[in-house]
Amino acid sequence: MDSDRLALALTTTAALLEQDEARCIELYGAPVGQPVSMVDHLIWRACTGPFEEWRAEWVRIVREQGVGAAVAWSEDQRALRRRASKLIFPRGIHSPAVTADSVRALAAHLIDPPTAPKEA
């Protein structure tokens, strides 16, 4: 999988987390934290985009390239979502809480991975 696409998905997820936290602060006066299911939904939105855009692209691919190509495209997006979810929640529902900053740090690690120190 292309690490640039994964980094973009993580960066977008972090931005969506920030937007949701700002909304919660406005509504409730403080951040409320997000359950895994909500963050998973944000990952889906980051990887797939709005449903109407996804559907329009699916229909376009079916018309131009056939059902097989549309299924392959959809499976590629599903794989991206699974990979992002596994990075954000390495222990599944037992993973620690995530923040926009922690998700952004994962993206930065993909973009500029640390290098091992050289031995003398």
PDB file of N, CA and C in Angstrom:
ATOM      1  N   MET A   1       0.842  -1.184   0.000  1.00  0.00           N
ATOM      2  CA  MET A   1       0.000   0.000   0.000  1.00  0.00           C
ATOM      3  C   MET A   1       0.882   1.240   0.000  1.00  0.00           C
ATOM      4  N   ASP A   2       0.469   2.228  -0.701  1.00  0.00           N
ATOM      5  CA  ASP A   2       1.210   3.468  -0.831  1.00  0.00           C
ATOM      6  C   ASP A   2       1.196   4.221   0.501  1.00  0.00           C
ATOM      7  N   SER A   3       2.378   4.446   1.079  1.00  0.00           N
ATOM      8  CA  SER A   3       2.437   5.116   2.381  1.00  0.00           C
ATOM      9  C   SER A   3       1.981   6.570   2.293  1.00  0.00           C
ATOM     10  N   ASP A   4       2.091   7.197   1.121  1.00  0.00           N
ATOM     11  CA  ASP A   4       1.598   8.570   0.971  1.00  0.00           C
ATOM     12  C   ASP A   4       0.081   8.625   1.136  1.00  0.00           C
ATOM     13  N   ARG A   5      -0.615   7.661   0.550  1.00  0.00           N
ATOM     14  CA  ARG A   5      -2.079   7.616   0.696  1.00  0.00           C
ATOM     15  C   ARG A   5      -2.469   7.363   2.144  1.00  0.00           C
ATOM     16  N   LEU A   6      -1.732   6.485   2.801  1.00  0.00           N
ATOM     17  CA  LEU A   6      -2.017   6.177   4.196  1.00  0.00           C
ATOM     18  C   LEU A   6      -1.743   7.394   5.075  1.00  0.00           C
ATOM     19  N   ALA A   7      -0.638   8.087   4.822  1.00  0.00           N
ATOM     20  CA  ALA A   7      -0.317   9.297   5.584  1.00  0.00           C
ATOM     21  C   ALA A   7      -1.393  10.362   5.377  1.00  0.00           C
ATOM     22  N   LEU A   8      -1.875  10.512   4.144  1.00  0.00           N
ATOM     23  CA  LEU A   8      -2.945  11.474   3.875  1.00  0.00           C
ATOM     24  C   LEU A   8      -4.222  11.083   4.617  1.00  0.00           C
ATOM     25  N   ALA A   9      -4.551   9.795   4.623  1.00  0.00           N
ATOM     26  CA  ALA A   9      -5.742   9.332   5.344  1.00  0.00           C
ATOM     27  C   ALA A   9      -5.610   9.620   6.837  1.00  0.00           C
ATOM     28  N   LEU A  10      -4.425   9.401   7.396  1.00  0.00           N
ATOM     29  CA  LEU A  10      -4.217   9.672   8.818  1.00  0.00           C
ATOM     30  C   LEU A  10      -4.288  11.169   9.109  1.00  0.00           C
ATOM     31  N   THR A  11      -3.688  11.982   8.248  1.00  0.00           N
ATOM     32  CA  THR A  11      -3.732  13.433   8.429  1.00  0.00           C
ATOM     33  C   THR A  11      -5.171  13.943   8.357  1.00  0.00           C
ATOM     34  N   THR A  12      -5.939  13.411   7.421  1.00  0.00           N
ATOM     35  CA  THR A  12      -7.346  13.801   7.297  1.00  0.00           C
ATOM     36  C   THR A  12      -8.137  13.344   8.512  1.00  0.00           C
ATOM     37  N   THR A  13      -7.858  12.142   9.014  1.00  0.00           N
ATOM     38  CA  THR A  13      -8.522  11.660  10.225  1.00  0.00           C
ATOM     39  C   THR A  13      -8.218  12.590  11.396  1.00  0.00           C
ATOM     40  N   ALA A  14      -6.974  13.015  11.521  1.00  0.00           N
ATOM     41  CA  ALA A  14      -6.593  13.937  12.596  1.00  0.00           C
ATOM     42  C   ALA A  14      -7.369  15.250  12.482  1.00  0.00           C
ATOM     43  N   ALA A  15      -7.501  15.767  11.268  1.00  0.00           N
ATOM     44  CA  ALA A  15      -8.262  17.010  11.068  1.00  0.00           C
ATOM     45  C   ALA A  15      -9.729  16.814  11.441  1.00  0.00           C
ATOM     46  N   LEU A  16     -10.301  15.667  11.082  1.00  0.00           N
ATOM     47  CA  LEU A  16     -11.692  15.383  11.444  1.00  0.00           C
ATOM     48  C   LEU A  16     -11.848  15.240  12.958  1.00  0.00           C
ATOM     49  N   LEU A  17     -10.865  14.636  13.618  1.00  0.00           N
ATOM     50  CA  LEU A  17     -10.889  14.546  15.081  1.00  0.00           C
ATOM     51  C   LEU A  17     -10.874  15.940  15.705  1.00  0.00           C
ATOM     52  N   GLU A  18     -10.042  16.820  15.179  1.00  0.00           N
ATOM     53  CA  GLU A  18      -9.989  18.197  15.685  1.00  0.00           C
ATOM     54  C   GLU A  18     -11.318  18.913  15.494  1.00  0.00           C
ATOM     55  N   GLN A  19     -11.929  18.747  14.323  1.00  0.00           N
ATOM     56  CA  GLN A  19     -13.229  19.373  14.070  1.00  0.00           C
ATOM     57  C   GLN A  19     -14.273  18.862  15.051  1.00  0.00           C
ATOM     58  N   ASP A  20     -14.272  17.552  15.287  1.00  0.00           N
ATOM     59  CA  ASP A  20     -15.255  16.980  16.190  1.00  0.00           C
ATOM     60  C   ASP A  20     -15.014  17.440  17.628  1.00  0.00           C
ATOM     61  N   GLU A  21     -13.752  17.525  18.025  1.00  0.00           N
ATOM     62  CA  GLU A  21     -13.443  18.011  19.365  1.00  0.00           C
ATOM     63  C   GLU A  21     -13.887  19.459  19.532  1.00  0.00           C
ATOM     64  N   ALA A  22     -13.654  20.292  18.518  1.00  0.00           N
ATOM     65  CA  ALA A  22     -14.094  21.691  18.575  1.00  0.00           C
ATOM     66  C   ALA A  22     -15.613  21.775  18.693  1.00  0.00           C
ATOM     67  N   ARG A  23     -16.314  20.910  17.970  1.00  0.00           N
ATOM     68  CA  ARG A  23     -17.776  20.878  18.050  1.00  0.00           C
ATOM     69  C   ARG A  23     -18.224  20.488  19.460  1.00  0.00           C
ATOM     70  N   CYS A  24     -17.561  19.497  20.047  1.00  0.00           N
ATOM     71  CA  CYS A  24     -17.914  19.057  21.401  1.00  0.00           C
ATOM     72  C   CYS A  24     -17.639  20.149  22.428  1.00  0.00           C
ATOM     73  N   ILE A  25     -16.529  20.847  22.273  1.00  0.00           N
ATOM     74  CA  ILE A  25     -16.209  21.938  23.194  1.00  0.00           C
ATOM     75  C   ILE A  25     -17.262  23.029  23.094  1.00  0.00           C
ATOM     76  N   GLU A  26     -17.689  23.325  21.873  1.00  0.00           N
ATOM     77  CA  GLU A  26     -18.726  24.341  21.681  1.00  0.00           C
ATOM     78  C   GLU A  26     -20.048  23.905  22.315  1.00  0.00           C
ATOM     79  N   LEU A  27     -20.404  22.638  22.143  1.00  0.00           N
ATOM     80  CA  LEU A  27     -21.675  22.132  22.673  1.00  0.00           C
ATOM     81  C   LEU A  27     -21.652  21.897  24.176  1.00  0.00           C
ATOM     82  N   TYR A  28     -20.554  21.300  24.668  1.00  0.00           N
ATOM     83  CA  TYR A  28     -20.522  20.833  26.052  1.00  0.00           C
ATOM     84  C   TYR A  28     -19.544  21.587  26.943  1.00  0.00           C
ATOM     85  N   GLY A  29     -18.753  22.469  26.363  1.00  0.00           N
ATOM     86  CA  GLY A  29     -17.816  23.246  27.150  1.00  0.00           C
ATOM     87  C   GLY A  29     -16.483  22.570  27.414  1.00  0.00           C
ATOM     88  N   ALA A  30     -16.335  21.337  26.952  1.00  0.00           N
ATOM     89  CA  ALA A  30     -15.081  20.599  27.155  1.00  0.00           C
ATOM     90  C   ALA A  30     -15.025  19.450  26.162  1.00  0.00           C
ATOM     91  N   PRO A  31     -13.822  18.957  25.870  1.00  0.00           N
ATOM     92  CA  PRO A  31     -13.742  17.773  25.008  1.00  0.00           C
ATOM     93  C   PRO A  31     -14.341  16.572  25.738  1.00  0.00           C
ATOM     94  N   VAL A  32     -14.967  15.692  25.005  1.00  0.00           N
ATOM     95  CA  VAL A  32     -15.625  14.540  25.636  1.00  0.00           C
ATOM     96  C   VAL A  32     -14.918  13.229  25.333  1.00  0.00           C
ATOM     97  N   GLY A  33     -13.953  13.234  24.439  1.00  0.00           N
ATOM     98  CA  GLY A  33     -13.300  11.987  24.045  1.00  0.00           C
ATOM     99  C   GLY A  33     -14.179  11.236  23.067  1.00  0.00           C
ATOM    100  N   GLN A  34     -13.576  10.404  22.261  1.00  0.00           N
ATOM    101  CA  GLN A  34     -14.335   9.697  21.229  1.00  0.00           C
ATOM    102  C   GLN A  34     -14.196   8.195  21.401  1.00  0.00           C
ATOM    103  N   PRO A  35     -15.308   7.476  21.339  1.00  0.00           N
ATOM    104  CA  PRO A  35     -15.218   6.019  21.376  1.00  0.00           C
ATOM    105  C   PRO A  35     -14.604   5.496  20.078  1.00  0.00           C
ATOM    106  N   VAL A  36     -14.126   4.269  20.133  1.00  0.00           N
ATOM    107  CA  VAL A  36     -13.502   3.641  18.968  1.00  0.00           C
ATOM    108  C   VAL A  36     -14.429   3.697  17.759  1.00  0.00           C
ATOM    109  N   SER A  37     -15.723   3.460  17.974  1.00  0.00           N
ATOM    110  CA  SER A  37     -16.659   3.436  16.841  1.00  0.00           C
ATOM    111  C   SER A  37     -16.726   4.787  16.132  1.00  0.00           C
ATOM    112  N   MET A  38     -16.671   5.883  16.891  1.00  0.00           N
ATOM    113  CA  MET A  38     -16.721   7.209  16.271  1.00  0.00           C
ATOM    114  C   MET A  38     -15.434   7.485  15.497  1.00  0.00           C
ATOM    115  N   VAL A  39     -14.304   7.152  16.087  1.00  0.00           N
ATOM    116  CA  VAL A  39     -13.034   7.370  15.393  1.00  0.00           C
ATOM    117  C   VAL A  39     -12.975   6.487  14.149  1.00  0.00           C
ATOM    118  N   ASP A  40     -13.501   5.269  14.249  1.00  0.00           N
ATOM    119  CA  ASP A  40     -13.533   4.392  13.081  1.00  0.00           C
ATOM    120  C   ASP A  40     -14.374   5.017  11.965  1.00  0.00           C
ATOM    121  N   HIS A  41     -15.470   5.673  12.340  1.00  0.00           N
ATOM    122  CA  HIS A  41     -16.287   6.375  11.339  1.00  0.00           C
ATOM    123  C   HIS A  41     -15.484   7.511  10.700  1.00  0.00           C
ATOM    124  N   LEU A  42     -14.710   8.230  11.506  1.00  0.00           N
ATOM    125  CA  LEU A  42     -13.886   9.316  10.959  1.00  0.00           C
ATOM    126  C   LEU A  42     -12.815   8.766  10.022  1.00  0.00           C
ATOM    127  N   ILE A  43     -12.267   7.594  10.354  1.00  0.00           N
ATOM    128  CA  ILE A  43     -11.299   6.943   9.461  1.00  0.00           C
ATOM    129  C   ILE A  43     -11.982   6.624   8.135  1.00  0.00           C
ATOM    130  N   TRP A  44     -13.196   6.096   8.209  1.00  0.00           N
ATOM    131  CA  TRP A  44     -13.949   5.773   6.988  1.00  0.00           C
ATOM    132  C   TRP A  44     -14.126   7.028   6.145  1.00  0.00           C
ATOM    133  N   ARG A  45     -14.540   8.133   6.792  1.00  0.00           N
ATOM    134  CA  ARG A  45     -14.728   9.391   6.056  1.00  0.00           C
ATOM    135  C   ARG A  45     -13.424   9.888   5.450  1.00  0.00           C
ATOM    136  N   ALA A  46     -12.326   9.741   6.185  1.00  0.00           N
ATOM    137  CA  ALA A  46     -11.027  10.213   5.689  1.00  0.00           C
ATOM    138  C   ALA A  46     -10.562   9.406   4.484  1.00  0.00           C
ATOM    139  N   CYS A  47     -10.832   8.116   4.491  1.00  0.00           N
ATOM    140  CA  CYS A  47     -10.362   7.244   3.406  1.00  0.00           C
ATOM    141  C   CYS A  47     -11.307   7.226   2.215  1.00  0.00           C
ATOM    142  N   THR A  48     -12.581   7.390   2.471  1.00  0.00           N
ATOM    143  CA  THR A  48     -13.594   7.205   1.437  1.00  0.00           C
ATOM    144  C   THR A  48     -14.197   8.517   0.963  1.00  0.00           C
ATOM    145  N   GLY A  49     -14.294   9.487   1.842  1.00  0.00           N
ATOM    146  CA  GLY A  49     -14.937  10.743   1.496  1.00  0.00           C
ATOM    147  C   GLY A  49     -16.439  10.655   1.682  1.00  0.00           C
ATOM    148  N   PRO A  50     -17.149  11.702   1.328  1.00  0.00           N
ATOM    149  CA  PRO A  50     -18.606  11.695   1.454  1.00  0.00           C
ATOM    150  C   PRO A  50     -19.225  10.573   0.617  1.00  0.00           C
ATOM    151  N   PHE A  51     -20.283   9.979   1.139  1.00  0.00           N
ATOM    152  CA  PHE A  51     -20.898   8.839   0.475  1.00  0.00           C
ATOM    153  C   PHE A  51     -21.322   9.163  -0.950  1.00  0.00           C
ATOM    154  N   GLU A  52     -21.908  10.320  -1.176  1.00  0.00           N
ATOM    155  CA  GLU A  52     -22.382  10.661  -2.524  1.00  0.00           C
ATOM    156  C   GLU A  52     -21.228  10.703  -3.528  1.00  0.00           C
ATOM    157  N   GLU A  53     -20.076  11.215  -3.094  1.00  0.00           N
ATOM    158  CA  GLU A  53     -18.909  11.228  -3.984  1.00  0.00           C
ATOM    159  C   GLU A  53     -18.425   9.806  -4.241  1.00  0.00           C
ATOM    160  N   TRP A  54     -18.430   8.978  -3.188  1.00  0.00           N
ATOM    161  CA  TRP A  54     -18.014   7.583  -3.339  1.00  0.00           C
ATOM    162  C   TRP A  54     -18.926   6.873  -4.333  1.00  0.00           C
ATOM    163  N   ARG A  55     -20.231   7.068  -4.162  1.00  0.00           N
ATOM    164  CA  ARG A  55     -21.209   6.414  -5.040  1.00  0.00           C
ATOM    165  C   ARG A  55     -21.047   6.877  -6.481  1.00  0.00           C
ATOM    166  N   ALA A  56     -20.852   8.176  -6.678  1.00  0.00           N
ATOM    167  CA  ALA A  56     -20.677   8.704  -8.036  1.00  0.00           C
ATOM    168  C   ALA A  56     -19.432   8.102  -8.695  1.00  0.00           C
ATOM    169  N   GLU A  57     -18.361   7.967  -7.934  1.00  0.00           N
ATOM    170  CA  GLU A  57     -17.135   7.371  -8.486  1.00  0.00           C
ATOM    171  C   GLU A  57     -17.353   5.895  -8.800  1.00  0.00           C
ATOM    172  N   TRP A  58     -18.058   5.197  -7.925  1.00  0.00           N
ATOM    173  CA  TRP A  58     -18.370   3.772  -8.152  1.00  0.00           C
ATOM    174  C   TRP A  58     -19.134   3.611  -9.469  1.00  0.00           C
ATOM    175  N   VAL A  59     -20.160   4.422  -9.652  1.00  0.00           N
ATOM    176  CA  VAL A  59     -20.972   4.348 -10.870  1.00  0.00           C
ATOM    177  C   VAL A  59     -20.120   4.671 -12.094  1.00  0.00           C
ATOM    178  N   ARG A  60     -19.280   5.692 -11.992  1.00  0.00           N
ATOM    179  CA  ARG A  60     -18.413   6.059 -13.116  1.00  0.00           C
ATOM    180  C   ARG A  60     -17.492   4.902 -13.489  1.00  0.00           C
ATOM    181  N   ILE A  61     -16.880   4.280 -12.500  1.00  0.00           N
ATOM    182  CA  ILE A  61     -15.965   3.167 -12.781  1.00  0.00           C
ATOM    183  C   ILE A  61     -16.721   1.996 -13.401  1.00  0.00           C
ATOM    184  N   VAL A  62     -17.905   1.688 -12.881  1.00  0.00           N
ATOM    185  CA  VAL A  62     -18.707   0.593 -13.452  1.00  0.00           C
ATOM    186  C   VAL A  62     -19.003   0.871 -14.916  1.00  0.00           C
ATOM    187  N   ARG A  63     -19.419   2.095 -15.220  1.00  0.00           N
ATOM    188  CA  ARG A  63     -19.766   2.443 -16.605  1.00  0.00           C
ATOM    189  C   ARG A  63     -18.556   2.396 -17.531  1.00  0.00           C
ATOM    190  N   GLU A  64     -17.425   2.902 -17.045  1.00  0.00           N
ATOM    191  CA  GLU A  64     -16.248   3.016 -17.907  1.00  0.00           C
ATOM    192  C   GLU A  64     -15.382   1.759 -17.947  1.00  0.00           C
ATOM    193  N   GLN A  65     -15.305   1.032 -16.816  1.00  0.00           N
ATOM    194  CA  GLN A  65     -14.353  -0.076 -16.742  1.00  0.00           C
ATOM    195  C   GLN A  65     -14.978  -1.409 -16.344  1.00  0.00           C
ATOM    196  N   GLY A  66     -16.220  -1.374 -15.896  1.00  0.00           N
ATOM    197  CA  GLY A  66     -16.892  -2.610 -15.517  1.00  0.00           C
ATOM    198  C   GLY A  66     -16.935  -2.830 -14.012  1.00  0.00           C
ATOM    199  N   VAL A  67     -17.766  -3.784 -13.625  1.00  0.00           N
ATOM    200  CA  VAL A  67     -17.987  -4.077 -12.213  1.00  0.00           C
ATOM    201  C   VAL A  67     -16.704  -4.558 -11.536  1.00  0.00           C
ATOM    202  N   GLY A  68     -15.932  -5.381 -12.227  1.00  0.00           N
ATOM    203  CA  GLY A  68     -14.689  -5.892 -11.637  1.00  0.00           C
ATOM    204  C   GLY A  68     -13.747  -4.784 -11.211  1.00  0.00           C
ATOM    205  N   ALA A  69     -13.622  -3.766 -12.038  1.00  0.00           N
ATOM    206  CA  ALA A  69     -12.751  -2.636 -11.703  1.00  0.00           C
ATOM    207  C   ALA A  69     -13.302  -1.859 -10.514  1.00  0.00           C
ATOM    208  N   ALA A  70     -14.627  -1.700 -10.458  1.00  0.00           N
ATOM    209  CA  ALA A  70     -15.239  -0.989  -9.333  1.00  0.00           C
ATOM    210  C   ALA A  70     -15.046  -1.761  -8.031  1.00  0.00           C
ATOM    211  N   VAL A  71     -15.179  -3.074  -8.098  1.00  0.00           N
ATOM    212  CA  VAL A  71     -14.961  -3.900  -6.908  1.00  0.00           C
ATOM    213  C   VAL A  71     -13.505  -3.789  -6.454  1.00  0.00           C
ATOM    214  N   ALA A  72     -12.570  -3.825  -7.394  1.00  0.00           N
ATOM    215  CA  ALA A  72     -11.150  -3.694  -7.052  1.00  0.00           C
ATOM    216  C   ALA A  72     -10.871  -2.333  -6.412  1.00  0.00           C
ATOM    217  N   TRP A  73     -11.463  -1.279  -6.960  1.00  0.00           N
ATOM    218  CA  TRP A  73     -11.302   0.064  -6.404  1.00  0.00           C
ATOM    219  C   TRP A  73     -11.846   0.115  -4.979  1.00  0.00           C
ATOM    220  N   SER A  74     -13.020  -0.449  -4.776  1.00  0.00           N
ATOM    221  CA  SER A  74     -13.637  -0.467  -3.452  1.00  0.00           C
ATOM    222  C   SER A  74     -12.800  -1.280  -2.462  1.00  0.00           C
ATOM    223  N   GLU A  75     -12.272  -2.409  -2.898  1.00  0.00           N
ATOM    224  CA  GLU A  75     -11.423  -3.239  -2.030  1.00  0.00           C
ATOM    225  C   GLU A  75     -10.140  -2.505  -1.655  1.00  0.00           C
ATOM    226  N   ASP A  76      -9.603  -1.719  -2.575  1.00  0.00           N
ATOM    227  CA  ASP A  76      -8.412  -0.930  -2.282  1.00  0.00           C
ATOM    228  C   ASP A  76      -8.706   0.085  -1.181  1.00  0.00           C
ATOM    229  N   GLN A  77      -9.865   0.727  -1.261  1.00  0.00           N
ATOM    230  CA  GLN A  77     -10.253   1.674  -0.218  1.00  0.00           C
ATOM    231  C   GLN A  77     -10.465   0.961   1.116  1.00  0.00           C
ATOM    232  N   ARG A  78     -11.070  -0.213   1.064  1.00  0.00           N
ATOM    233  CA  ARG A  78     -11.295  -0.985   2.291  1.00  0.00           C
ATOM    234  C   ARG A  78      -9.958  -1.356   2.934  1.00  0.00           C
ATOM    235  N   ALA A  79      -8.989  -1.747   2.128  1.00  0.00           N
ATOM    236  CA  ALA A  79      -7.660  -2.087   2.652  1.00  0.00           C
ATOM    237  C   ALA A  79      -7.000  -0.867   3.294  1.00  0.00           C
ATOM    238  N   LEU A  80      -7.167   0.301   2.675  1.00  0.00           N
ATOM    239  CA  LEU A  80      -6.624   1.537   3.237  1.00  0.00           C
ATOM    240  C   LEU A  80      -7.261   1.819   4.595  1.00  0.00           C
ATOM    241  N   ARG A  81      -8.584   1.668   4.694  1.00  0.00           N
ATOM    242  CA  ARG A  81      -9.278   1.895   5.969  1.00  0.00           C
ATOM    243  C   ARG A  81      -8.799   0.919   7.042  1.00  0.00           C
ATOM    244  N   ARG A  82      -8.652  -0.346   6.667  1.00  0.00           N
ATOM    245  CA  ARG A  82      -8.183  -1.349   7.642  1.00  0.00           C
ATOM    246  C   ARG A  82      -6.779  -1.016   8.132  1.00  0.00           C
ATOM    247  N   ARG A  83      -5.901  -0.632   7.221  1.00  0.00           N
ATOM    248  CA  ARG A  83      -4.520  -0.305   7.600  1.00  0.00           C
ATOM    249  C   ARG A  83      -4.490   0.913   8.516  1.00  0.00           C
ATOM    250  N   ALA A  84      -5.253   1.940   8.179  1.00  0.00           N
ATOM    251  CA  ALA A  84      -5.310   3.134   9.027  1.00  0.00           C
ATOM    252  C   ALA A  84      -5.855   2.777  10.405  1.00  0.00           C
ATOM    253  N   SER A  85      -6.894   1.985  10.440  1.00  0.00           N
ATOM    254  CA  SER A  85      -7.503   1.589  11.707  1.00  0.00           C
ATOM    255  C   SER A  85      -6.524   0.785  12.563  1.00  0.00           C
ATOM    256  N   LYS A  86      -5.768  -0.108  11.941  1.00  0.00           N
ATOM    257  CA  LYS A  86      -4.794  -0.908  12.699  1.00  0.00           C
ATOM    258  C   LYS A  86      -3.655  -0.049  13.240  1.00  0.00           C
ATOM    259  N   LEU A  87      -3.280   0.990  12.513  1.00  0.00           N
ATOM    260  CA  LEU A  87      -2.242   1.888  13.018  1.00  0.00           C
ATOM    261  C   LEU A  87      -2.757   2.726  14.184  1.00  0.00           C
ATOM    262  N   ILE A  88      -3.976   3.215  14.055  1.00  0.00           N
ATOM    263  CA  ILE A  88      -4.546   4.070  15.094  1.00  0.00           C
ATOM    264  C   ILE A  88      -4.928   3.251  16.324  1.00  0.00           C
ATOM    265  N   PHE A  89      -5.456   2.063  16.106  1.00  0.00           N
ATOM    266  CA  PHE A  89      -5.893   1.187  17.200  1.00  0.00           C
ATOM    267  C   PHE A  89      -5.155  -0.152  17.134  1.00  0.00           C
ATOM    268  N   PRO A  90      -3.869  -0.180  17.489  1.00  0.00           N
ATOM    269  CA  PRO A  90      -3.100  -1.422  17.350  1.00  0.00           C
ATOM    270  C   PRO A  90      -3.617  -2.564  18.222  1.00  0.00           C
ATOM    271  N   ARG A  91      -4.313  -2.247  19.305  1.00  0.00           N
ATOM    272  CA  ARG A  91      -4.860  -3.281  20.181  1.00  0.00           C
ATOM    273  C   ARG A  91      -6.384  -3.344  20.080  1.00  0.00           C
ATOM    274  N   GLY A  92      -6.910  -2.905  18.953  1.00  0.00           N
ATOM    275  CA  GLY A  92      -8.362  -2.944  18.769  1.00  0.00           C
ATOM    276  C   GLY A  92      -9.071  -2.085  19.799  1.00  0.00           C
ATOM    277  N   ILE A  93     -10.175  -2.601  20.340  1.00  0.00           N
ATOM    278  CA  ILE A  93     -10.950  -1.806  21.301  1.00  0.00           C
ATOM    279  C   ILE A  93     -10.208  -1.608  22.616  1.00  0.00           C
ATOM    280  N   HIS A  94      -9.118  -2.321  22.820  1.00  0.00           N
ATOM    281  CA  HIS A  94      -8.325  -2.178  24.039  1.00  0.00           C
ATOM    282  C   HIS A  94      -7.199  -1.164  23.868  1.00  0.00           C
ATOM    283  N   SER A  95      -7.160  -0.491  22.747  1.00  0.00           N
ATOM    284  CA  SER A  95      -6.128   0.510  22.489  1.00  0.00           C
ATOM    285  C   SER A  95      -6.379   1.737  23.348  1.00  0.00           C
ATOM    286  N   PRO A  96      -5.322   2.481  23.652  1.00  0.00           N
ATOM    287  CA  PRO A  96      -5.513   3.718  24.406  1.00  0.00           C
ATOM    288  C   PRO A  96      -6.261   4.756  23.565  1.00  0.00           C
ATOM    289  N   ALA A  97      -6.794   5.754  24.250  1.00  0.00           N
ATOM    290  CA  ALA A  97      -7.507   6.832  23.563  1.00  0.00           C
ATOM    291  C   ALA A  97      -6.573   7.519  22.576  1.00  0.00           C
ATOM    292  N   VAL A  98      -7.146   8.001  21.501  1.00  0.00           N
ATOM    293  CA  VAL A  98      -6.350   8.698  20.499  1.00  0.00           C
ATOM    294  C   VAL A  98      -6.721  10.171  20.492  1.00  0.00           C
ATOM    295  N   THR A  99      -5.779  10.968  20.058  1.00  0.00           N
ATOM    296  CA  THR A  99      -6.004  12.396  19.883  1.00  0.00           C
ATOM    297  C   THR A  99      -5.612  12.752  18.460  1.00  0.00           C
ATOM    298  N   ALA A 100      -6.001  13.937  18.051  1.00  0.00           N
ATOM    299  CA  ALA A 100      -5.600  14.406  16.721  1.00  0.00           C
ATOM    300  C   ALA A 100      -4.073  14.441  16.623  1.00  0.00           C
ATOM    301  N   ASP A 101      -3.414  14.866  17.700  1.00  0.00           N
ATOM    302  CA  ASP A 101      -1.949  14.937  17.676  1.00  0.00           C
ATOM    303  C   ASP A 101      -1.310  13.558  17.550  1.00  0.00           C
ATOM    304  N   SER A 102      -1.872  12.553  18.234  1.00  0.00           N
ATOM    305  CA  SER A 102      -1.279  11.213  18.140  1.00  0.00           C
ATOM    306  C   SER A 102      -1.461  10.627  16.744  1.00  0.00           C
ATOM    307  N   VAL A 103      -2.600  10.912  16.117  1.00  0.00           N
ATOM    308  CA  VAL A 103      -2.838  10.421  14.755  1.00  0.00           C
ATOM    309  C   VAL A 103      -1.937  11.165  13.772  1.00  0.00           C
ATOM    310  N   ARG A 104      -1.776  12.455  13.985  1.00  0.00           N
ATOM    311  CA  ARG A 104      -0.890  13.246  13.130  1.00  0.00           C
ATOM    312  C   ARG A 104       0.561  12.757  13.257  1.00  0.00           C
ATOM    313  N   ALA A 105       0.965  12.346  14.452  1.00  0.00           N
ATOM    314  CA  ALA A 105       2.318  11.818  14.660  1.00  0.00           C
ATOM    315  C   ALA A 105       2.518  10.514  13.887  1.00  0.00           C
ATOM    316  N   LEU A 106       1.484   9.680  13.829  1.00  0.00           N
ATOM    317  CA  LEU A 106       1.573   8.455  13.023  1.00  0.00           C
ATOM    318  C   LEU A 106       1.807   8.799  11.554  1.00  0.00           C
ATOM    319  N   ALA A 107       1.080   9.804  11.067  1.00  0.00           N
ATOM    320  CA  ALA A 107       1.241  10.225   9.670  1.00  0.00           C
ATOM    321  C   ALA A 107       2.653  10.748   9.430  1.00  0.00           C
ATOM    322  N   ALA A 108       3.161  11.537  10.361  1.00  0.00           N
ATOM    323  CA  ALA A 108       4.512  12.086  10.213  1.00  0.00           C
ATOM    324  C   ALA A 108       5.548  10.967  10.193  1.00  0.00           C
ATOM    325  N   HIS A 109       5.322   9.938  10.984  1.00  0.00           N
ATOM    326  CA  HIS A 109       6.241   8.795  11.023  1.00  0.00           C
ATOM    327  C   HIS A 109       6.267   8.083   9.667  1.00  0.00           C
ATOM    328  N   LEU A 110       5.121   8.019   8.997  1.00  0.00           N
ATOM    329  CA  LEU A 110       5.074   7.398   7.670  1.00  0.00           C
ATOM    330  C   LEU A 110       5.789   8.245   6.628  1.00  0.00           C
ATOM    331  N   ILE A 111       5.640   9.557   6.754  1.00  0.00           N
ATOM    332  CA  ILE A 111       6.236  10.468   5.783  1.00  0.00           C
ATOM    333  C   ILE A 111       7.754  10.533   5.961  1.00  0.00           C
ATOM    334  N   ASP A 112       8.198  10.582   7.212  1.00  0.00           N
ATOM    335  CA  ASP A 112       9.628  10.716   7.503  1.00  0.00           C
ATOM    336  C   ASP A 112      10.013   9.699   8.572  1.00  0.00           C
ATOM    337  N   PRO A 113      10.144   8.417   8.196  1.00  0.00           N
ATOM    338  CA  PRO A 113      10.440   7.392   9.198  1.00  0.00           C
ATOM    339  C   PRO A 113      11.817   7.593   9.825  1.00  0.00           C
ATOM    340  N   PRO A 114      11.927   7.254  11.110  1.00  0.00           N
ATOM    341  CA  PRO A 114      13.237   7.393  11.757  1.00  0.00           C
ATOM    342  C   PRO A 114      14.234   6.408  11.151  1.00  0.00           C
ATOM    343  N   THR A 115      15.469   6.775  11.185  1.00  0.00           N
ATOM    344  CA  THR A 115      16.511   5.882  10.671  1.00  0.00           C
ATOM    345  C   THR A 115      17.298   5.321  11.845  1.00  0.00           C
ATOM    346  N   ALA A 116      17.799   4.127  11.674  1.00  0.00           N
ATOM    347  CA  ALA A 116      18.599   3.494  12.722  1.00  0.00           C
ATOM    348  C   ALA A 116      19.950   4.196  12.808  1.00  0.00           C
ATOM    349  N   PRO A 117      20.463   4.358  14.024  1.00  0.00           N
ATOM    350  CA  PRO A 117      21.784   4.997  14.146  1.00  0.00           C
ATOM    351  C   PRO A 117      22.861   4.123  13.510  1.00  0.00           C
ATOM    352  N   LYS A 118      23.826   4.779  12.911  1.00  0.00           N
ATOM    353  CA  LYS A 118      24.929   4.054  12.273  1.00  0.00           C
ATOM    354  C   LYS A 118      25.937   3.638  13.342  1.00  0.00           C
ATOM    355  N   GLU A 119      26.406   2.416  13.199  1.00  0.00           N
ATOM    356  CA  GLU A 119      27.403   1.927  14.149  1.00  0.00           C
ATOM    357  C   GLU A 119      28.782   2.432  13.747  1.00  0.00           C
ATOM    358  N   ALA A 120      29.591   2.719  14.753  1.00  0.00           N
ATOM    359  CA  ALA A 120      30.943   3.238  14.494  1.00  0.00           C
ATOM    360  C   ALA A 120      31.893   2.136  14.107  1.00  0.00           C
TER     361      ALA A 120
END
